[in-house]
Amino acid sequence: MGLSSLGVRVAAIRRKGIRQVSPDAETELEAGDVIVLLGVPGDIALAELILLKGG
């Protein structure tokens, strides 16, 4: 997902009511996914901005 370079890890994804814990790096996000990010607040904020822009 490309967020590891920011120091952020995707801990879980909920898609269509199904939770996937510790998704692998090849998992692609889809519109409507709810994600749980782990990292320090500043890095998470930057990751959020990137994700909201479609990056």
N, C-alpha and C. Protein backbone atom coordinates (compact mmCIF):
# COMPACT_ATOMS: atom_id res chain seq x y z
N MET A 1 0.81 -1.20 0.00
CA MET A 1 0.00 0.00 0.00
C MET A 1 0.85 1.26 0.00
N GLY A 2 2.15 1.10 0.18
CA GLY A 2 3.03 2.23 0.06
C GLY A 2 3.09 3.18 1.25
N LEU A 3 2.49 2.84 2.36
CA LEU A 3 2.50 3.73 3.51
C LEU A 3 3.67 3.45 4.46
N SER A 4 4.34 2.34 4.27
CA SER A 4 5.44 1.99 5.18
C SER A 4 6.57 3.00 5.10
N SER A 5 6.75 3.64 3.95
CA SER A 5 7.80 4.65 3.82
C SER A 5 7.51 5.87 4.69
N LEU A 6 6.24 6.03 5.10
CA LEU A 6 5.85 7.12 5.98
C LEU A 6 5.94 6.73 7.45
N GLY A 7 6.24 5.46 7.72
CA GLY A 7 6.26 4.98 9.09
C GLY A 7 4.88 4.61 9.60
N VAL A 8 3.97 4.33 8.66
CA VAL A 8 2.58 4.00 9.00
C VAL A 8 2.28 2.59 8.53
N ARG A 9 1.55 1.86 9.34
CA ARG A 9 1.17 0.48 9.00
C ARG A 9 -0.34 0.36 8.99
N VAL A 10 -0.87 -0.34 7.99
CA VAL A 10 -2.30 -0.63 7.96
C VAL A 10 -2.53 -1.86 8.82
N ALA A 11 -3.22 -1.66 9.94
CA ALA A 11 -3.43 -2.75 10.89
C ALA A 11 -4.63 -3.61 10.52
N ALA A 12 -5.63 -2.98 9.90
CA ALA A 12 -6.84 -3.72 9.54
C ALA A 12 -7.62 -2.95 8.49
N ILE A 13 -8.42 -3.70 7.74
CA ILE A 13 -9.34 -3.12 6.76
C ILE A 13 -10.70 -3.75 6.99
N ARG A 14 -11.74 -2.92 6.99
CA ARG A 14 -13.10 -3.46 7.01
C ARG A 14 -13.71 -3.12 5.66
N ARG A 15 -14.14 -4.17 4.97
CA ARG A 15 -14.72 -4.03 3.63
C ARG A 15 -16.03 -4.80 3.59
N LYS A 16 -17.10 -4.06 3.32
CA LYS A 16 -18.43 -4.67 3.22
C LYS A 16 -18.75 -5.49 4.46
N GLY A 17 -18.36 -4.95 5.63
CA GLY A 17 -18.68 -5.60 6.89
C GLY A 17 -17.76 -6.72 7.31
N ILE A 18 -16.75 -7.00 6.50
CA ILE A 18 -15.80 -8.08 6.81
C ILE A 18 -14.47 -7.45 7.19
N ARG A 19 -13.93 -7.85 8.34
CA ARG A 19 -12.67 -7.29 8.82
C ARG A 19 -11.51 -8.19 8.42
N GLN A 20 -10.48 -7.57 7.86
CA GLN A 20 -9.25 -8.27 7.52
C GLN A 20 -8.14 -7.66 8.38
N VAL A 21 -7.57 -8.46 9.26
CA VAL A 21 -6.51 -8.00 10.16
C VAL A 21 -5.16 -8.25 9.50
N SER A 22 -4.25 -7.29 9.62
CA SER A 22 -2.90 -7.37 9.06
C SER A 22 -2.90 -7.74 7.58
N PRO A 23 -3.51 -6.89 6.75
CA PRO A 23 -3.52 -7.18 5.31
C PRO A 23 -2.10 -7.17 4.75
N ASP A 24 -1.87 -7.96 3.70
CA ASP A 24 -0.53 -7.99 3.13
C ASP A 24 -0.30 -6.77 2.24
N ALA A 25 0.93 -6.57 1.84
CA ALA A 25 1.32 -5.36 1.09
C ALA A 25 0.66 -5.28 -0.29
N GLU A 26 0.20 -6.40 -0.82
CA GLU A 26 -0.43 -6.40 -2.14
C GLU A 26 -1.91 -6.04 -2.09
N THR A 27 -2.47 -5.92 -0.90
CA THR A 27 -3.89 -5.58 -0.77
C THR A 27 -4.14 -4.18 -1.30
N GLU A 28 -5.12 -4.04 -2.17
CA GLU A 28 -5.47 -2.73 -2.72
C GLU A 28 -6.71 -2.21 -2.02
N LEU A 29 -6.69 -0.93 -1.70
CA LEU A 29 -7.84 -0.30 -1.07
C LEU A 29 -8.92 -0.07 -2.11
N GLU A 30 -10.16 -0.15 -1.67
CA GLU A 30 -11.31 0.10 -2.53
C GLU A 30 -12.16 1.20 -1.90
N ALA A 31 -12.92 1.88 -2.74
CA ALA A 31 -13.82 2.92 -2.24
C ALA A 31 -14.74 2.30 -1.18
N GLY A 32 -14.89 2.99 -0.07
CA GLY A 32 -15.75 2.51 1.01
C GLY A 32 -15.03 1.72 2.07
N ASP A 33 -13.76 1.36 1.84
CA ASP A 33 -12.99 0.64 2.86
C ASP A 33 -12.81 1.52 4.08
N VAL A 34 -12.84 0.90 5.24
CA VAL A 34 -12.50 1.57 6.50
C VAL A 34 -11.18 0.96 6.93
N ILE A 35 -10.18 1.83 7.17
CA ILE A 35 -8.86 1.31 7.52
C ILE A 35 -8.44 1.78 8.90
N VAL A 36 -7.64 0.95 9.56
CA VAL A 36 -7.05 1.28 10.85
C VAL A 36 -5.55 1.43 10.61
N LEU A 37 -5.03 2.63 10.92
CA LEU A 37 -3.61 2.90 10.72
C LEU A 37 -2.90 2.94 12.06
N LEU A 38 -1.66 2.45 12.08
CA LEU A 38 -0.81 2.52 13.27
C LEU A 38 0.43 3.34 12.93
N GLY A 39 0.79 4.23 13.83
CA GLY A 39 1.97 5.05 13.66
C GLY A 39 1.88 6.26 14.57
N VAL A 40 2.84 7.16 14.44
CA VAL A 40 2.80 8.38 15.25
C VAL A 40 1.82 9.36 14.61
N PRO A 41 1.19 10.21 15.42
CA PRO A 41 0.12 11.08 14.91
C PRO A 41 0.48 11.89 13.66
N GLY A 42 1.66 12.48 13.60
CA GLY A 42 2.03 13.28 12.43
C GLY A 42 2.11 12.45 11.16
N ASP A 43 2.66 11.23 11.28
CA ASP A 43 2.77 10.34 10.12
C ASP A 43 1.39 9.86 9.67
N ILE A 44 0.52 9.58 10.63
CA ILE A 44 -0.84 9.15 10.29
C ILE A 44 -1.59 10.29 9.58
N ALA A 45 -1.41 11.51 10.04
CA ALA A 45 -2.07 12.65 9.41
C ALA A 45 -1.62 12.80 7.97
N LEU A 46 -0.32 12.64 7.70
CA LEU A 46 0.19 12.73 6.35
C LEU A 46 -0.35 11.59 5.48
N ALA A 47 -0.38 10.39 6.03
CA ALA A 47 -0.93 9.24 5.30
C ALA A 47 -2.40 9.47 4.97
N GLU A 48 -3.15 10.03 5.90
CA GLU A 48 -4.56 10.33 5.66
C GLU A 48 -4.72 11.29 4.49
N LEU A 49 -3.91 12.33 4.46
CA LEU A 49 -3.97 13.29 3.35
C LEU A 49 -3.69 12.61 2.01
N ILE A 50 -2.68 11.78 1.99
CA ILE A 50 -2.32 11.06 0.75
C ILE A 50 -3.44 10.13 0.32
N LEU A 51 -4.01 9.39 1.27
CA LEU A 51 -5.09 8.46 0.94
C LEU A 51 -6.33 9.20 0.44
N LEU A 52 -6.66 10.32 1.05
CA LEU A 52 -7.84 11.07 0.64
C LEU A 52 -7.69 11.68 -0.75
N LYS A 53 -6.45 11.90 -1.18
CA LYS A 53 -6.18 12.41 -2.51
C LYS A 53 -6.10 11.29 -3.55
N GLY A 54 -6.26 10.05 -3.09
CA GLY A 54 -6.24 8.92 -4.00
C GLY A 54 -4.86 8.32 -4.22
N GLY A 55 -3.91 8.69 -3.35
CA GLY A 55 -2.53 8.20 -3.49
C GLY A 55 -2.32 6.99 -2.77
